[in-house]
Amino acid sequence: MPDGATPVLDVKNLKTVFATRSGEVHAVNSVSFDLRPGELLGVVGESGSGKSVTMMSLLGLLPSPPAEVRSGTVMLGGRDILKIGAEELRNVRGREVGFVFQDPMTSLNPVFTVGFQLCEPLRKHLGMSKAQARNRAVELLELVGIPDARRRLGDYPHQFSGGMRQRVMIAIALACDPKVLIADEPTTALDVTIQAQILELVKELRQKLGMAIIWITHDLGVIAGIADRVMVMYGGQVAEHGPVREVFANPAHPYTRALLQTMPKMHGARDAKLRVIEGQPPMLTRQPAACPFTARCAHAFDRCGRENPARRDIGHAHDVACHWDHTTADPLTAAEAPA
């Protein structure tokens, strides 16, 4: 898609906190990104980096309390959906943004048939009759590759395999032709063969429907195969962002480099050990005043422990939040940092 295309989704300075007995947890810290029509944005990072919480914050899917979206804007269709009412937000979730959750067994209601769960959003958001919704539900199941679709409308979730349940979840998310599809690690619970089938399905649907997709995962190999851009998250904020080929070929943040080094090599030595990132993710009980990766970073220097780096441009649509210059392997001075 053209670089100058108007974003279908534009997120600025999103902050989300959780109230706990130990105080506030700053789970999302000034996250900004956009998504253009037809684009697939991969969001990667280890568990606890803020990937899922960021995307659930956009759509009001977090329980409140304890969660609170404290600030930011989320522009979709010319309006800030953080400022709209609950009923309008429910319509946005069904009509304009589809969400595929990680575990299809717990995401589908076990006491309702698949047909009922497919028809419900069609009748609510598109005003279809029972017959129209049922016919559309059959089309959707066929679209995601479920055979004998009309008969299977009467089946319950437990009568489908894990891969088929995930296809049903994708069909439900696509029911109202949303502008944006958010997929939260949708292949994690599936075996490798089924994962490959789901990924191939998403590629086909993206070509057919032209929708924008956010794909959340910890699997860098998946992102390398399907994404246009990648956003690397750590400590509830964006560490690095850019075109997927550029970021993978020239990673600028030490965390991105460390993640890539943990991937097994196809042509490595037989006895080669997998690399690990030493240390633990940061406790987010305070607003980050320093780089959250400092304690685990081999390049950290005194400034990293005093100042949280702002994102700076380092190439075409490629930016990084780091005090270290990956091109010279030297620390940046304050004068070289972004204003």
C-alpha atoms as a PDB file:
ATOM      1  CA  MET A   1       0.000   0.000   0.000  1.00  0.00           C
ATOM      2  CA  PRO A   2       1.250   3.554  -0.585  1.00  0.00           C
ATOM      3  CA  ASP A   3       3.203   5.153   2.254  1.00  0.00           C
ATOM      4  CA  GLY A   4       1.014   8.243   2.081  1.00  0.00           C
ATOM      5  CA  ALA A   5      -2.283   6.373   2.457  1.00  0.00           C
ATOM      6  CA  THR A   6      -4.549   7.752   5.188  1.00  0.00           C
ATOM      7  CA  PRO A   7      -4.363   5.455   8.228  1.00  0.00           C
ATOM      8  CA  VAL A   8      -7.486   3.454   8.980  1.00  0.00           C
ATOM      9  CA  LEU A   9      -6.346   3.396  12.629  1.00  0.00           C
ATOM     10  CA  ASP A  10      -4.146   6.030  14.289  1.00  0.00           C
ATOM     11  CA  VAL A  11      -3.040   5.587  17.921  1.00  0.00           C
ATOM     12  CA  LYS A  12      -1.215   8.361  19.788  1.00  0.00           C
ATOM     13  CA  ASN A  13       0.377   8.287  23.261  1.00  0.00           C
ATOM     14  CA  LEU A  14      -1.800   5.515  24.688  1.00  0.00           C
ATOM     15  CA  LYS A  15      -1.330   4.936  28.433  1.00  0.00           C
ATOM     16  CA  THR A  16      -3.042   2.194  30.445  1.00  0.00           C
ATOM     17  CA  VAL A  17      -2.620   1.445  34.148  1.00  0.00           C
ATOM     18  CA  PHE A  18      -3.922  -1.276  36.461  1.00  0.00           C
ATOM     19  CA  ALA A  19      -4.808  -0.649  40.105  1.00  0.00           C
ATOM     20  CA  THR A  20      -3.358  -3.391  42.342  1.00  0.00           C
ATOM     21  CA  ARG A  21      -2.773  -3.872  46.063  1.00  0.00           C
ATOM     22  CA  SER A  22       0.875  -2.981  45.472  1.00  0.00           C
ATOM     23  CA  GLY A  23       0.000   0.234  43.654  1.00  0.00           C
ATOM     24  CA  GLU A  24      -0.455   1.110  40.006  1.00  0.00           C
ATOM     25  CA  VAL A  25       1.023  -1.058  37.265  1.00  0.00           C
ATOM     26  CA  HIS A  26       1.925   1.003  34.184  1.00  0.00           C
ATOM     27  CA  ALA A  27       1.177  -1.627  31.560  1.00  0.00           C
ATOM     28  CA  VAL A  28       1.094   0.604  28.452  1.00  0.00           C
ATOM     29  CA  ASN A  29       3.327   3.679  28.305  1.00  0.00           C
ATOM     30  CA  SER A  30       2.861   6.285  25.551  1.00  0.00           C
ATOM     31  CA  VAL A  31       2.390   3.791  22.716  1.00  0.00           C
ATOM     32  CA  SER A  32       1.875   5.329  19.265  1.00  0.00           C
ATOM     33  CA  PHE A  33       1.388   3.614  15.898  1.00  0.00           C
ATOM     34  CA  ASP A  34      -0.830   3.689  12.833  1.00  0.00           C
ATOM     35  CA  LEU A  35      -2.287   1.134  10.457  1.00  0.00           C
ATOM     36  CA  ARG A  36      -2.945   1.732   6.771  1.00  0.00           C
ATOM     37  CA  PRO A  37      -5.597   0.051   4.595  1.00  0.00           C
ATOM     38  CA  GLY A  38      -4.632  -3.457   3.533  1.00  0.00           C
ATOM     39  CA  GLU A  39      -1.527  -3.516   5.729  1.00  0.00           C
ATOM     40  CA  LEU A  40      -0.458  -6.213   8.199  1.00  0.00           C
ATOM     41  CA  LEU A  41       1.338  -4.889  11.290  1.00  0.00           C
ATOM     42  CA  GLY A  42       3.105  -7.476  13.429  1.00  0.00           C
ATOM     43  CA  VAL A  43       3.404  -6.780  17.161  1.00  0.00           C
ATOM     44  CA  VAL A  44       6.103  -8.811  18.907  1.00  0.00           C
ATOM     45  CA  GLY A  45       7.715  -9.082  22.323  1.00  0.00           C
ATOM     46  CA  GLU A  46       7.976 -11.527  25.188  1.00  0.00           C
ATOM     47  CA  SER A  47       5.136 -12.189  27.643  1.00  0.00           C
ATOM     48  CA  GLY A  48       4.330  -9.103  29.712  1.00  0.00           C
ATOM     49  CA  SER A  49       5.661  -6.627  27.149  1.00  0.00           C
ATOM     50  CA  GLY A  50       2.235  -5.002  26.707  1.00  0.00           C
ATOM     51  CA  LYS A  51       1.189  -6.379  23.314  1.00  0.00           C
ATOM     52  CA  SER A  52      -2.267  -7.708  24.187  1.00  0.00           C
ATOM     53  CA  VAL A  53      -3.059  -5.028  26.780  1.00  0.00           C
ATOM     54  CA  THR A  54      -2.336  -2.318  24.214  1.00  0.00           C
ATOM     55  CA  MET A  55      -4.772  -3.774  21.676  1.00  0.00           C
ATOM     56  CA  MET A  56      -7.461  -4.544  24.258  1.00  0.00           C
ATOM     57  CA  SER A  57      -7.145  -0.969  25.539  1.00  0.00           C
ATOM     58  CA  LEU A  58      -8.096   0.345  22.103  1.00  0.00           C
ATOM     59  CA  LEU A  59     -11.485  -1.366  22.197  1.00  0.00           C
ATOM     60  CA  GLY A  60     -12.462  -1.145  25.863  1.00  0.00           C
ATOM     61  CA  LEU A  61     -11.978  -4.890  26.376  1.00  0.00           C
ATOM     62  CA  LEU A  62     -10.163  -4.580  29.718  1.00  0.00           C
ATOM     63  CA  PRO A  63     -12.162  -4.814  32.974  1.00  0.00           C
ATOM     64  CA  SER A  64     -12.511  -1.377  34.554  1.00  0.00           C
ATOM     65  CA  PRO A  65     -11.603  -1.387  37.390  1.00  0.00           C
ATOM     66  CA  PRO A  66      -8.805  -2.430  37.755  1.00  0.00           C
ATOM     67  CA  ALA A  67      -7.767  -1.212  34.280  1.00  0.00           C
ATOM     68  CA  GLU A  68      -7.887   2.449  33.279  1.00  0.00           C
ATOM     69  CA  VAL A  69      -6.933   3.971  29.939  1.00  0.00           C
ATOM     70  CA  ARG A  70      -5.414   7.138  31.351  1.00  0.00           C
ATOM     71  CA  SER A  71      -4.607   9.086  28.199  1.00  0.00           C
ATOM     72  CA  GLY A  72      -4.127   8.971  24.449  1.00  0.00           C
ATOM     73  CA  THR A  73      -6.221   9.045  21.287  1.00  0.00           C
ATOM     74  CA  VAL A  74      -7.400   6.201  19.059  1.00  0.00           C
ATOM     75  CA  MET A  75      -8.690   7.590  15.775  1.00  0.00           C
ATOM     76  CA  LEU A  76     -10.900   5.258  13.731  1.00  0.00           C
ATOM     77  CA  GLY A  77     -13.288   6.449  11.056  1.00  0.00           C
ATOM     78  CA  GLY A  78     -12.709  10.110  11.912  1.00  0.00           C
ATOM     79  CA  ARG A  79     -13.477   9.820  15.632  1.00  0.00           C
ATOM     80  CA  ASP A  80     -11.600   9.081  18.835  1.00  0.00           C
ATOM     81  CA  ILE A  81     -13.091   5.775  20.014  1.00  0.00           C
ATOM     82  CA  LEU A  82     -11.679   6.306  23.515  1.00  0.00           C
ATOM     83  CA  LYS A  83     -14.242   9.082  23.920  1.00  0.00           C
ATOM     84  CA  ILE A  84     -17.395   7.408  22.596  1.00  0.00           C
ATOM     85  CA  GLY A  85     -20.135   5.815  24.691  1.00  0.00           C
ATOM     86  CA  ALA A  86     -20.358   2.140  25.647  1.00  0.00           C
ATOM     87  CA  GLU A  87     -23.122   1.287  23.168  1.00  0.00           C
ATOM     88  CA  GLU A  88     -21.330   2.961  20.256  1.00  0.00           C
ATOM     89  CA  LEU A  89     -18.109   1.194  21.258  1.00  0.00           C
ATOM     90  CA  ARG A  90     -19.896  -2.164  21.158  1.00  0.00           C
ATOM     91  CA  ASN A  91     -20.989  -1.353  17.617  1.00  0.00           C
ATOM     92  CA  VAL A  92     -17.400  -0.465  16.693  1.00  0.00           C
ATOM     93  CA  ARG A  93     -16.183  -3.811  18.059  1.00  0.00           C
ATOM     94  CA  GLY A  94     -18.651  -5.769  16.014  1.00  0.00           C
ATOM     95  CA  ARG A  95     -18.943  -3.633  12.894  1.00  0.00           C
ATOM     96  CA  GLU A  96     -15.594  -1.907  12.315  1.00  0.00           C
ATOM     97  CA  VAL A  97     -13.000  -3.928  14.205  1.00  0.00           C
ATOM     98  CA  GLY A  98     -12.873  -7.723  14.453  1.00  0.00           C
ATOM     99  CA  PHE A  99     -10.938  -9.427  17.258  1.00  0.00           C
ATOM    100  CA  VAL A 100      -9.613 -13.011  17.207  1.00  0.00           C
ATOM    101  CA  PHE A 101      -8.553 -14.206  20.651  1.00  0.00           C
ATOM    102  CA  GLN A 102      -5.779 -16.621  21.529  1.00  0.00           C
ATOM    103  CA  ASP A 103      -7.818 -19.611  22.732  1.00  0.00           C
ATOM    104  CA  PRO A 104     -10.833 -20.455  20.551  1.00  0.00           C
ATOM    105  CA  MET A 105     -12.245 -22.923  23.086  1.00  0.00           C
ATOM    106  CA  THR A 106     -12.684 -20.281  25.767  1.00  0.00           C
ATOM    107  CA  SER A 107     -13.621 -17.536  23.282  1.00  0.00           C
ATOM    108  CA  LEU A 108     -16.602 -19.423  21.848  1.00  0.00           C
ATOM    109  CA  ASN A 109     -19.641 -19.901  24.075  1.00  0.00           C
ATOM    110  CA  PRO A 110     -19.974 -23.658  24.673  1.00  0.00           C
ATOM    111  CA  VAL A 111     -23.767 -23.572  25.196  1.00  0.00           C
ATOM    112  CA  PHE A 112     -24.658 -21.930  21.856  1.00  0.00           C
ATOM    113  CA  THR A 113     -24.289 -23.412  18.394  1.00  0.00           C
ATOM    114  CA  VAL A 114     -21.694 -22.029  16.030  1.00  0.00           C
ATOM    115  CA  GLY A 115     -24.533 -20.874  13.778  1.00  0.00           C
ATOM    116  CA  PHE A 116     -26.105 -18.816  16.560  1.00  0.00           C
ATOM    117  CA  GLN A 117     -22.775 -17.182  17.393  1.00  0.00           C
ATOM    118  CA  LEU A 118     -22.187 -16.332  13.734  1.00  0.00           C
ATOM    119  CA  CYS A 119     -25.693 -15.016  13.118  1.00  0.00           C
ATOM    120  CA  GLU A 120     -25.895 -12.835  16.236  1.00  0.00           C
ATOM    121  CA  PRO A 121     -23.505 -10.049  15.033  1.00  0.00           C
ATOM    122  CA  LEU A 122     -25.044 -10.146  11.556  1.00  0.00           C
ATOM    123  CA  ARG A 123     -28.529  -9.508  12.934  1.00  0.00           C
ATOM    124  CA  LYS A 124     -27.397  -6.938  15.507  1.00  0.00           C
ATOM    125  CA  HIS A 125     -25.009  -4.850  13.414  1.00  0.00           C
ATOM    126  CA  LEU A 126     -26.307  -5.349   9.877  1.00  0.00           C
ATOM    127  CA  GLY A 127     -30.018  -5.790  10.608  1.00  0.00           C
ATOM    128  CA  MET A 128     -30.298  -9.061   8.698  1.00  0.00           C
ATOM    129  CA  SER A 129     -33.275 -11.375   8.967  1.00  0.00           C
ATOM    130  CA  LYS A 130     -32.789 -14.920  10.341  1.00  0.00           C
ATOM    131  CA  ALA A 131     -32.687 -16.363   6.824  1.00  0.00           C
ATOM    132  CA  GLN A 132     -30.266 -13.710   5.533  1.00  0.00           C
ATOM    133  CA  ALA A 133     -27.972 -14.149   8.539  1.00  0.00           C
ATOM    134  CA  ARG A 134     -27.995 -17.922   8.159  1.00  0.00           C
ATOM    135  CA  ASN A 135     -27.080 -17.722   4.473  1.00  0.00           C
ATOM    136  CA  ARG A 136     -24.303 -15.248   5.229  1.00  0.00           C
ATOM    137  CA  ALA A 137     -23.052 -17.521   8.045  1.00  0.00           C
ATOM    138  CA  VAL A 138     -22.769 -20.386   5.563  1.00  0.00           C
ATOM    139  CA  GLU A 139     -20.767 -18.131   3.220  1.00  0.00           C
ATOM    140  CA  LEU A 140     -18.434 -17.145   6.058  1.00  0.00           C
ATOM    141  CA  LEU A 141     -17.757 -20.739   7.101  1.00  0.00           C
ATOM    142  CA  GLU A 142     -17.045 -21.619   3.485  1.00  0.00           C
ATOM    143  CA  LEU A 143     -14.767 -18.588   3.205  1.00  0.00           C
ATOM    144  CA  VAL A 144     -12.603 -19.857   6.085  1.00  0.00           C
ATOM    145  CA  GLY A 145     -12.481 -23.374   4.677  1.00  0.00           C
ATOM    146  CA  ILE A 146     -14.964 -25.328   6.807  1.00  0.00           C
ATOM    147  CA  PRO A 147     -16.560 -28.126   4.731  1.00  0.00           C
ATOM    148  CA  ASP A 148     -20.285 -28.957   4.810  1.00  0.00           C
ATOM    149  CA  ALA A 149     -20.854 -25.466   6.205  1.00  0.00           C
ATOM    150  CA  ARG A 150     -24.664 -25.418   6.291  1.00  0.00           C
ATOM    151  CA  ARG A 151     -24.890 -28.610   8.338  1.00  0.00           C
ATOM    152  CA  ARG A 152     -22.159 -27.487  10.731  1.00  0.00           C
ATOM    153  CA  LEU A 153     -24.086 -24.358  11.711  1.00  0.00           C
ATOM    154  CA  GLY A 154     -26.010 -26.586  14.129  1.00  0.00           C
ATOM    155  CA  ASP A 155     -22.878 -27.959  15.811  1.00  0.00           C
ATOM    156  CA  TYR A 156     -21.468 -26.759  19.140  1.00  0.00           C
ATOM    157  CA  PRO A 157     -17.857 -25.615  19.639  1.00  0.00           C
ATOM    158  CA  HIS A 158     -16.771 -28.886  21.279  1.00  0.00           C
ATOM    159  CA  GLN A 159     -17.686 -30.702  18.057  1.00  0.00           C
ATOM    160  CA  PHE A 160     -14.939 -28.841  16.153  1.00  0.00           C
ATOM    161  CA  SER A 161     -11.189 -29.470  16.270  1.00  0.00           C
ATOM    162  CA  GLY A 162      -8.877 -26.735  17.584  1.00  0.00           C
ATOM    163  CA  GLY A 163      -7.993 -25.562  14.084  1.00  0.00           C
ATOM    164  CA  MET A 164     -11.638 -25.545  12.992  1.00  0.00           C
ATOM    165  CA  ARG A 165     -12.642 -23.577  16.112  1.00  0.00           C
ATOM    166  CA  GLN A 166     -10.044 -20.969  15.259  1.00  0.00           C
ATOM    167  CA  ARG A 167     -11.463 -20.776  11.729  1.00  0.00           C
ATOM    168  CA  VAL A 168     -14.904 -20.218  13.266  1.00  0.00           C
ATOM    169  CA  MET A 169     -13.457 -17.388  15.400  1.00  0.00           C
ATOM    170  CA  ILE A 170     -11.994 -15.793  12.277  1.00  0.00           C
ATOM    171  CA  ALA A 171     -15.360 -16.152  10.514  1.00  0.00           C
ATOM    172  CA  ILE A 172     -17.120 -14.398  13.428  1.00  0.00           C
ATOM    173  CA  ALA A 173     -14.518 -11.608  13.399  1.00  0.00           C
ATOM    174  CA  LEU A 174     -15.044 -11.161   9.643  1.00  0.00           C
ATOM    175  CA  ALA A 175     -18.852 -11.350   9.798  1.00  0.00           C
ATOM    176  CA  CYS A 176     -19.518  -7.632   9.397  1.00  0.00           C
ATOM    177  CA  ASP A 177     -16.654  -6.848   6.999  1.00  0.00           C
ATOM    178  CA  PRO A 178     -14.564  -4.871   9.507  1.00  0.00           C
ATOM    179  CA  LYS A 179     -11.950  -2.334   8.454  1.00  0.00           C
ATOM    180  CA  VAL A 180      -9.456  -3.777  10.948  1.00  0.00           C
ATOM    181  CA  LEU A 181      -8.837  -7.311  12.191  1.00  0.00           C
ATOM    182  CA  ILE A 182      -6.845  -7.763  15.413  1.00  0.00           C
ATOM    183  CA  ALA A 183      -5.512 -11.295  15.942  1.00  0.00           C
ATOM    184  CA  ASP A 184      -4.072 -11.964  19.410  1.00  0.00           C
ATOM    185  CA  GLU A 185      -1.693 -14.947  19.088  1.00  0.00           C
ATOM    186  CA  PRO A 186      -4.403 -16.926  17.280  1.00  0.00           C
ATOM    187  CA  THR A 187      -2.172 -19.910  16.447  1.00  0.00           C
ATOM    188  CA  THR A 188      -0.435 -20.366  19.822  1.00  0.00           C
ATOM    189  CA  ALA A 189      -2.664 -23.241  21.011  1.00  0.00           C
ATOM    190  CA  LEU A 190      -2.523 -25.088  17.678  1.00  0.00           C
ATOM    191  CA  ASP A 191      -0.068 -27.669  16.366  1.00  0.00           C
ATOM    192  CA  VAL A 192       2.431 -26.666  13.695  1.00  0.00           C
ATOM    193  CA  THR A 193       0.481 -28.087  10.740  1.00  0.00           C
ATOM    194  CA  ILE A 194      -2.720 -26.283  11.749  1.00  0.00           C
ATOM    195  CA  GLN A 195      -0.754 -23.076  12.417  1.00  0.00           C
ATOM    196  CA  ALA A 196       0.493 -23.163   8.830  1.00  0.00           C
ATOM    197  CA  GLN A 197      -3.068 -23.643   7.537  1.00  0.00           C
ATOM    198  CA  ILE A 198      -4.374 -20.679   9.571  1.00  0.00           C
ATOM    199  CA  LEU A 199      -1.524 -18.436   8.401  1.00  0.00           C
ATOM    200  CA  GLU A 200      -2.195 -19.391   4.786  1.00  0.00           C
ATOM    201  CA  LEU A 201      -5.891 -18.678   5.340  1.00  0.00           C
ATOM    202  CA  VAL A 202      -5.121 -15.199   6.697  1.00  0.00           C
ATOM    203  CA  LYS A 203      -2.936 -14.426   3.664  1.00  0.00           C
ATOM    204  CA  GLU A 204      -5.759 -15.482   1.325  1.00  0.00           C
ATOM    205  CA  LEU A 205      -8.411 -13.497   3.216  1.00  0.00           C
ATOM    206  CA  ARG A 206      -6.223 -10.411   3.259  1.00  0.00           C
ATOM    207  CA  GLN A 207      -5.847 -10.574  -0.525  1.00  0.00           C
ATOM    208  CA  LYS A 208      -9.571 -11.180  -1.056  1.00  0.00           C
ATOM    209  CA  LEU A 209     -10.932  -8.645   1.433  1.00  0.00           C
ATOM    210  CA  GLY A 210      -8.149  -6.024   1.578  1.00  0.00           C
ATOM    211  CA  MET A 211      -8.569  -5.399   5.293  1.00  0.00           C
ATOM    212  CA  ALA A 212      -5.889  -4.081   7.637  1.00  0.00           C
ATOM    213  CA  ILE A 213      -4.603  -6.577  10.193  1.00  0.00           C
ATOM    214  CA  ILE A 214      -2.743  -6.364  13.512  1.00  0.00           C
ATOM    215  CA  TRP A 215      -1.112  -9.703  14.325  1.00  0.00           C
ATOM    216  CA  ILE A 216       0.113 -10.106  17.919  1.00  0.00           C
ATOM    217  CA  THR A 217       2.651 -12.863  18.514  1.00  0.00           C
ATOM    218  CA  HIS A 218       5.901 -13.858  20.179  1.00  0.00           C
ATOM    219  CA  ASP A 219       6.885 -15.852  17.077  1.00  0.00           C
ATOM    220  CA  LEU A 220       9.262 -13.797  14.935  1.00  0.00           C
ATOM    221  CA  GLY A 221       9.200 -16.427  12.196  1.00  0.00           C
ATOM    222  CA  VAL A 222       5.473 -15.874  11.681  1.00  0.00           C
ATOM    223  CA  ILE A 223       5.954 -12.112  11.421  1.00  0.00           C
ATOM    224  CA  ALA A 224       8.787 -12.541   8.906  1.00  0.00           C
ATOM    225  CA  GLY A 225       6.415 -14.493   6.675  1.00  0.00           C
ATOM    226  CA  ILE A 226       3.250 -12.386   6.779  1.00  0.00           C
ATOM    227  CA  ALA A 227       3.866  -8.820   8.014  1.00  0.00           C
ATOM    228  CA  ASP A 228       4.581  -5.549   6.200  1.00  0.00           C
ATOM    229  CA  ARG A 229       5.746  -3.723   9.318  1.00  0.00           C
ATOM    230  CA  VAL A 230       6.761  -4.886  12.791  1.00  0.00           C
ATOM    231  CA  MET A 231       6.435  -3.146  16.151  1.00  0.00           C
ATOM    232  CA  VAL A 232       8.701  -4.537  18.885  1.00  0.00           C
ATOM    233  CA  MET A 233       7.381  -3.907  22.401  1.00  0.00           C
ATOM    234  CA  TYR A 234       9.201  -4.077  25.718  1.00  0.00           C
ATOM    235  CA  GLY A 235       8.210  -2.823  29.156  1.00  0.00           C
ATOM    236  CA  GLY A 236       4.856  -1.526  27.916  1.00  0.00           C
ATOM    237  CA  GLN A 237       6.340   0.698  25.221  1.00  0.00           C
ATOM    238  CA  VAL A 238       7.623   0.577  21.649  1.00  0.00           C
ATOM    239  CA  ALA A 239      11.306  -0.327  21.457  1.00  0.00           C
ATOM    240  CA  GLU A 240      11.584  -0.453  17.661  1.00  0.00           C
ATOM    241  CA  HIS A 241       9.263  -0.119  14.684  1.00  0.00           C
ATOM    242  CA  GLY A 242       9.688  -0.293  10.936  1.00  0.00           C
ATOM    243  CA  PRO A 243       9.347  -2.343   7.744  1.00  0.00           C
ATOM    244  CA  VAL A 244       9.730  -6.004   8.690  1.00  0.00           C
ATOM    245  CA  ARG A 245      12.594  -6.707   6.268  1.00  0.00           C
ATOM    246  CA  GLU A 246      14.497  -3.623   7.392  1.00  0.00           C
ATOM    247  CA  VAL A 247      14.078  -4.332  11.105  1.00  0.00           C
ATOM    248  CA  PHE A 248      15.039  -7.999  10.753  1.00  0.00           C
ATOM    249  CA  ALA A 249      18.047  -7.212   8.528  1.00  0.00           C
ATOM    250  CA  ASN A 250      19.249  -4.168  10.514  1.00  0.00           C
ATOM    251  CA  PRO A 251      17.867  -4.336  14.066  1.00  0.00           C
ATOM    252  CA  ALA A 252      18.722  -1.125  15.918  1.00  0.00           C
ATOM    253  CA  HIS A 253      17.533  -1.853  19.448  1.00  0.00           C
ATOM    254  CA  PRO A 254      19.541  -4.274  21.615  1.00  0.00           C
ATOM    255  CA  TYR A 255      16.279  -5.981  22.595  1.00  0.00           C
ATOM    256  CA  THR A 256      15.315  -6.568  18.953  1.00  0.00           C
ATOM    257  CA  ARG A 257      18.788  -7.999  18.316  1.00  0.00           C
ATOM    258  CA  ALA A 258      18.486 -10.242  21.350  1.00  0.00           C
ATOM    259  CA  LEU A 259      15.061 -11.507  20.232  1.00  0.00           C
ATOM    260  CA  LEU A 260      16.376 -12.339  16.768  1.00  0.00           C
ATOM    261  CA  GLN A 261      19.346 -14.170  18.268  1.00  0.00           C
ATOM    262  CA  THR A 262      17.018 -16.453  20.236  1.00  0.00           C
ATOM    263  CA  MET A 263      15.563 -17.846  16.998  1.00  0.00           C
ATOM    264  CA  PRO A 264      16.904 -21.280  16.027  1.00  0.00           C
ATOM    265  CA  LYS A 265      19.081 -21.254  12.900  1.00  0.00           C
ATOM    266  CA  MET A 266      18.231 -23.601  10.029  1.00  0.00           C
ATOM    267  CA  HIS A 267      21.908 -24.119   9.141  1.00  0.00           C
ATOM    268  CA  GLY A 268      23.516 -23.781  12.554  1.00  0.00           C
ATOM    269  CA  ALA A 269      25.859 -26.306  14.156  1.00  0.00           C
ATOM    270  CA  ARG A 270      24.122 -29.424  15.448  1.00  0.00           C
ATOM    271  CA  ASP A 271      25.333 -28.881  18.991  1.00  0.00           C
ATOM    272  CA  ALA A 272      24.723 -25.109  18.986  1.00  0.00           C
ATOM    273  CA  LYS A 273      22.759 -23.922  22.002  1.00  0.00           C
ATOM    274  CA  LEU A 274      19.837 -21.553  21.719  1.00  0.00           C
ATOM    275  CA  ARG A 275      20.616 -18.030  22.917  1.00  0.00           C
ATOM    276  CA  VAL A 276      18.626 -16.655  25.833  1.00  0.00           C
ATOM    277  CA  ILE A 277      18.051 -13.104  27.066  1.00  0.00           C
ATOM    278  CA  GLU A 278      19.488 -13.016  30.572  1.00  0.00           C
ATOM    279  CA  GLY A 279      17.488 -11.395  33.373  1.00  0.00           C
ATOM    280  CA  GLN A 280      13.807 -10.677  33.841  1.00  0.00           C
ATOM    281  CA  PRO A 281      11.346  -8.166  32.339  1.00  0.00           C
ATOM    282  CA  PRO A 282      10.937  -4.981  34.418  1.00  0.00           C
ATOM    283  CA  MET A 283       8.396  -4.471  37.180  1.00  0.00           C
ATOM    284  CA  LEU A 284       6.078  -1.743  35.922  1.00  0.00           C
ATOM    285  CA  THR A 285       4.928  -0.407  39.285  1.00  0.00           C
ATOM    286  CA  ARG A 286       6.282   3.037  38.388  1.00  0.00           C
ATOM    287  CA  GLN A 287       6.111   5.222  35.310  1.00  0.00           C
ATOM    288  CA  PRO A 288       9.362   4.371  33.471  1.00  0.00           C
ATOM    289  CA  ALA A 289      11.954   7.078  34.121  1.00  0.00           C
ATOM    290  CA  ALA A 290      14.775   5.080  32.517  1.00  0.00           C
ATOM    291  CA  CYS A 291      15.112   2.687  29.605  1.00  0.00           C
ATOM    292  CA  PRO A 292      13.208  -0.443  30.714  1.00  0.00           C
ATOM    293  CA  PHE A 293      15.790  -2.717  29.055  1.00  0.00           C
ATOM    294  CA  THR A 294      18.779  -1.232  30.936  1.00  0.00           C
ATOM    295  CA  ALA A 295      19.271  -4.107  33.407  1.00  0.00           C
ATOM    296  CA  ARG A 296      19.436  -6.699  30.596  1.00  0.00           C
ATOM    297  CA  CYS A 297      21.337  -4.677  27.991  1.00  0.00           C
ATOM    298  CA  ALA A 298      25.003  -5.281  27.150  1.00  0.00           C
ATOM    299  CA  HIS A 299      25.288  -1.741  25.719  1.00  0.00           C
ATOM    300  CA  ALA A 300      23.755   0.149  28.673  1.00  0.00           C
ATOM    301  CA  PHE A 301      25.627   3.177  30.014  1.00  0.00           C
ATOM    302  CA  ASP A 302      24.853   5.737  32.725  1.00  0.00           C
ATOM    303  CA  ARG A 303      22.356   7.757  30.670  1.00  0.00           C
ATOM    304  CA  CYS A 304      20.196   4.635  30.090  1.00  0.00           C
ATOM    305  CA  GLY A 305      19.523   4.421  33.830  1.00  0.00           C
ATOM    306  CA  ARG A 306      18.564   8.102  34.105  1.00  0.00           C
ATOM    307  CA  GLU A 307      16.467   8.816  31.018  1.00  0.00           C
ATOM    308  CA  ASN A 308      13.833   6.898  29.086  1.00  0.00           C
ATOM    309  CA  PRO A 309      14.768   7.320  25.386  1.00  0.00           C
ATOM    310  CA  ALA A 310      12.288   8.861  22.957  1.00  0.00           C
ATOM    311  CA  ARG A 311      11.697   7.202  19.600  1.00  0.00           C
ATOM    312  CA  ARG A 312      13.960   8.607  16.863  1.00  0.00           C
ATOM    313  CA  ASP A 313      13.934   8.086  13.097  1.00  0.00           C
ATOM    314  CA  ILE A 314      16.868   6.073  11.757  1.00  0.00           C
ATOM    315  CA  GLY A 315      15.670   5.316   8.219  1.00  0.00           C
ATOM    316  CA  HIS A 316      12.661   5.148   5.937  1.00  0.00           C
ATOM    317  CA  ALA A 317       9.705   4.561   8.318  1.00  0.00           C
ATOM    318  CA  HIS A 318      12.145   2.936  10.781  1.00  0.00           C
ATOM    319  CA  ASP A 319      12.438   4.272  14.330  1.00  0.00           C
ATOM    320  CA  VAL A 320      13.949   3.129  17.606  1.00  0.00           C
ATOM    321  CA  ALA A 321      13.840   4.146  21.281  1.00  0.00           C
ATOM    322  CA  CYS A 322      17.462   3.747  22.356  1.00  0.00           C
ATOM    323  CA  HIS A 323      20.402   5.847  23.589  1.00  0.00           C
ATOM    324  CA  TRP A 324      22.835   3.607  21.689  1.00  0.00           C
ATOM    325  CA  ASP A 325      23.848   4.186  18.059  1.00  0.00           C
ATOM    326  CA  HIS A 326      23.734   0.766  16.373  1.00  0.00           C
ATOM    327  CA  THR A 327      25.676   2.052  13.337  1.00  0.00           C
ATOM    328  CA  THR A 328      28.758   3.134  15.325  1.00  0.00           C
ATOM    329  CA  ALA A 329      28.290   0.980  18.453  1.00  0.00           C
ATOM    330  CA  ASP A 330      28.690   4.186  20.486  1.00  0.00           C
ATOM    331  CA  PRO A 331      26.426   5.934  22.997  1.00  0.00           C
ATOM    332  CA  LEU A 332      24.412   8.866  21.697  1.00  0.00           C
ATOM    333  CA  THR A 333      25.019  12.242  23.282  1.00  0.00           C
ATOM    334  CA  ALA A 334      22.108  14.315  24.552  1.00  0.00           C
ATOM    335  CA  ALA A 335      22.571  16.637  21.561  1.00  0.00           C
ATOM    336  CA  GLU A 336      22.029  13.736  19.146  1.00  0.00           C
ATOM    337  CA  ALA A 337      18.778  12.608  20.772  1.00  0.00           C
ATOM    338  CA  PRO A 338      15.408  13.638  19.299  1.00  0.00           C
ATOM    339  CA  ALA A 339      13.839  16.820  20.615  1.00  0.00           C
END
